[in-house]
Amino acid sequence: MITRLVSGALILFVAACAAPGWRTPAAEPWACRDAVRGAAIHAYALARNRDDQRAVILLPAGQAAAAYETETQRLRTEGARLLDVLERYDPEADKLPAPARPTASALTPEQVAARIEAADACVANAGK
């Protein structure tokens, strides 16, 4: 009889500990996760798009080609910087599923620059 009471109490205790009310709440995702992640993805996508375009467009050798390559490299650098910020402040972000590739209409330099600016503003406002 005592064995049944102890076993029953142990089972109830284990069941109570497994109940959702006893668990610690999951950490809230970083507020700027989506903005920073989206800006990084768009910066990399625009750089890749520029690489693809470079393969088919003819630029005169010299200053124009160097400027094109410099801008493409700047986009890659911005993407890497934003991913570093994301990794620093939200280490769980790398466990998210891979996002869809941005559409070509969302890859204008102005739109990507606006996304980067918004991500930087979010990080600055978050105090990070």
Protein backbone atom coordinates (compact mmCIF):
# COMPACT_ATOMS: atom_id res chain seq x y z
CA MET A 1 0.00 0.00 0.00
CA ILE A 2 2.78 2.43 0.92
CA THR A 3 4.56 1.57 -2.32
CA ARG A 4 1.44 2.52 -4.30
CA LEU A 5 1.14 5.83 -2.49
CA VAL A 6 4.80 6.71 -3.04
CA SER A 7 4.61 5.63 -6.68
CA GLY A 8 1.42 7.63 -7.21
CA ALA A 9 2.93 10.71 -5.57
CA LEU A 10 6.05 10.38 -7.74
CA ILE A 11 3.95 10.07 -10.89
CA LEU A 12 1.89 13.12 -9.95
CA PHE A 13 5.03 15.11 -9.19
CA VAL A 14 6.62 14.22 -12.54
CA ALA A 15 3.39 15.05 -14.37
CA ALA A 16 3.13 18.39 -12.57
CA CYS A 17 6.73 19.30 -13.45
CA ALA A 18 6.06 18.49 -17.09
CA ALA A 19 3.01 20.76 -17.17
CA PRO A 20 3.47 23.99 -19.18
CA GLY A 21 3.01 26.18 -16.11
CA TRP A 22 6.22 24.89 -14.52
CA ARG A 23 8.46 25.47 -17.48
CA THR A 24 10.41 28.64 -17.88
CA PRO A 25 9.03 30.82 -20.66
CA ALA A 26 10.90 30.80 -23.95
CA ALA A 27 13.11 33.79 -24.51
CA GLU A 28 11.57 36.47 -26.68
CA PRO A 29 13.25 36.84 -30.07
CA TRP A 30 15.38 39.91 -30.53
CA ALA A 31 13.18 42.79 -31.69
CA CYS A 32 15.45 43.64 -34.63
CA ARG A 33 15.89 40.07 -35.85
CA ASP A 34 13.66 40.32 -38.90
CA ALA A 35 14.88 43.77 -39.94
CA VAL A 36 18.57 42.86 -39.68
CA ARG A 37 18.11 39.43 -41.24
CA GLY A 38 16.07 40.83 -44.11
CA ALA A 39 18.56 43.60 -44.80
CA ALA A 40 21.47 41.14 -44.83
CA ILE A 41 19.63 38.78 -47.17
CA HIS A 42 18.72 41.60 -49.54
CA ALA A 43 22.27 42.99 -49.54
CA TYR A 44 23.71 39.58 -50.42
CA ALA A 45 21.02 38.97 -53.03
CA LEU A 46 21.70 42.32 -54.71
CA ALA A 47 25.44 41.60 -54.71
CA ARG A 48 24.77 38.22 -56.30
CA ASN A 49 22.43 39.82 -58.83
CA ARG A 50 25.16 42.36 -59.68
CA ASP A 51 27.63 39.48 -60.16
CA ASP A 52 25.21 37.82 -62.56
CA GLN A 53 24.69 41.10 -64.43
CA ARG A 54 28.43 41.71 -64.61
CA ALA A 55 28.79 38.46 -66.51
CA VAL A 56 26.57 39.72 -69.33
CA ILE A 57 27.04 43.50 -69.43
CA LEU A 58 29.94 45.23 -71.07
CA LEU A 59 31.60 47.87 -68.97
CA PRO A 60 34.50 49.83 -70.29
CA ALA A 61 37.71 48.81 -68.62
CA GLY A 62 38.98 51.07 -65.93
CA GLN A 63 37.03 53.39 -63.70
CA ALA A 64 33.49 52.20 -64.51
CA ALA A 65 34.34 48.54 -63.97
CA ALA A 66 36.19 49.32 -60.75
CA ALA A 67 33.26 51.36 -59.43
CA TYR A 68 30.85 48.53 -60.24
CA GLU A 69 33.04 45.99 -58.46
CA THR A 70 33.52 48.32 -55.48
CA GLU A 71 29.76 48.73 -55.04
CA THR A 72 29.22 44.99 -55.31
CA GLN A 73 31.89 44.37 -52.66
CA ARG A 74 30.35 47.06 -50.43
CA LEU A 75 27.02 45.18 -50.55
CA ARG A 76 28.74 41.95 -49.52
CA THR A 77 30.49 43.78 -46.68
CA GLU A 78 27.19 45.26 -45.48
CA GLY A 79 25.59 41.82 -45.57
CA ALA A 80 28.45 40.33 -43.55
CA ARG A 81 28.32 43.19 -41.02
CA LEU A 82 24.57 42.72 -40.55
CA LEU A 83 24.97 38.97 -40.10
CA ASP A 84 27.63 39.63 -37.45
CA VAL A 85 25.22 41.92 -35.62
CA LEU A 86 22.50 39.29 -35.88
CA GLU A 87 24.81 36.58 -34.56
CA ARG A 88 25.98 38.79 -31.70
CA TYR A 89 22.52 39.81 -30.45
CA ASP A 90 20.38 36.84 -31.48
CA PRO A 91 22.35 33.57 -31.56
CA GLU A 92 19.12 31.62 -32.07
CA ALA A 93 18.55 33.25 -35.48
CA ASP A 94 20.75 30.71 -37.25
CA LYS A 95 18.25 28.00 -36.30
CA LEU A 96 15.49 29.67 -38.33
CA PRO A 97 14.58 28.14 -41.67
CA ALA A 98 16.25 29.64 -44.71
CA PRO A 99 14.25 32.54 -46.12
CA ALA A 100 13.00 32.72 -49.66
CA ARG A 101 15.22 34.56 -52.11
CA PRO A 102 14.05 38.15 -52.58
CA THR A 103 12.24 38.93 -55.80
CA ALA A 104 14.00 40.90 -58.49
CA SER A 105 11.63 43.83 -57.97
CA ALA A 106 12.81 44.10 -54.34
CA LEU A 107 16.46 44.27 -55.33
CA THR A 108 16.83 47.85 -56.39
CA PRO A 109 19.76 49.66 -54.78
CA GLU A 110 17.39 52.17 -53.21
CA GLN A 111 15.21 49.50 -51.58
CA VAL A 112 18.23 47.59 -50.28
CA ALA A 113 19.77 50.81 -48.93
CA ALA A 114 16.47 51.59 -47.18
CA ARG A 115 16.40 48.12 -45.60
CA ILE A 116 19.99 48.50 -44.38
CA GLU A 117 19.21 51.93 -42.98
CA ALA A 118 16.09 50.63 -41.22
CA ALA A 119 18.04 47.72 -39.72
CA ASP A 120 20.76 50.06 -38.47
CA ALA A 121 18.13 52.37 -36.98
CA CYS A 122 16.45 49.45 -35.23
CA VAL A 123 19.75 48.31 -33.74
CA ALA A 124 20.54 51.86 -32.63
CA ASN A 125 17.09 52.29 -31.03
CA ALA A 126 17.35 48.92 -29.30
CA GLY A 127 20.46 50.18 -27.56
CA LYS A 128 22.73 47.54 -29.04
